[in-house]
Amino acid sequence: MRVPVLLSIVIMGAGIAFDSQQVARAVSDSRPAVRASDSAVVVALRAQLEVMREFDQKILTTVYWSLGGLVLVTGLLLGFGWFANFRVYERDKIAMTRDVEATLRESFLEREAKHQEAVRGELEAAKRSLTQMATKAAESAVTTVRNQLSVVRVDVLSLQYEANSAEATRWIEQKVHDNAIISHFRMLEIAVQTENPYNISESLDAIRADIKRGAKLSSVMKAMHLPILEKLPANLRTTAESIRAAIDV
């Protein structure tokens, strides 16, 4: 609204200045034709011309000030627009920076969570694998130790079997058959533990030979050694019963 008004004032001032110049030029051109009797009219016209010149000068001054004000207002408007745009730009830049930071932070946290989950899964898999390997190794070691212990146990029992056999031989040589049959029962117990059929048959034959020689067992020895007869294989049950019957006589 203000800019069109100022332009109208400028145009009006320019028109008035142009009319004043035309009048002044017409007066100057008509001076040679003016007669002495018209001096009063000339004076009046000059005074009027002077007034119009002052008026034109004021109009031009007003126009100049208007143009200056227009330029100032235009500069202020441009400065305010630039300042407003700068503020909006800074605010948008800060908002965009925050949005980008939030997006990057969220993406980083999401990737970090996935990475930790993957690492946790790998650790769990490695732990399970190590546990299985350790379990298998422990089972293998236990089996190996058990086998070795079984071998050692069989070896020890074999030594005990041979020792009792040698002891029984000495008792027989000394004709102490009651002690010989006890040694033979110990041999039978060892043979049953080692599940050695040959030693079992050998021990039973030695016990029957001791009985034929008149060997006897006390009640304590019967309670200690006769239960082994019940652990003999099924094919030797008849032999076991005959030995029991012979000892109980």
Foldseek 3Di string as FASTA:
>chain_A
DLVVVLVVLLVVLVVLVVVLVVVVVVLVVCVVVDDPVCVVVVVVVVVVSVVSVVVSVVSVVVNVVSVVVVVVVVVVVVVVVVVVVVVVVVVVVVVVVVVVVVVVVVVVVVVVVVVVVVVVVVVVVVVVVVVVVVVVVVVVVVVVVVVVVVVVVLVVLVVLLVVLVVVLVVCVVVVVLQSNLLSLLSQCVSCLVVVPVVSNVVSLVSNVVSLVSPHAYDPVSCVVRLVSLVSDDPVCVVSSVVSVVSRVD
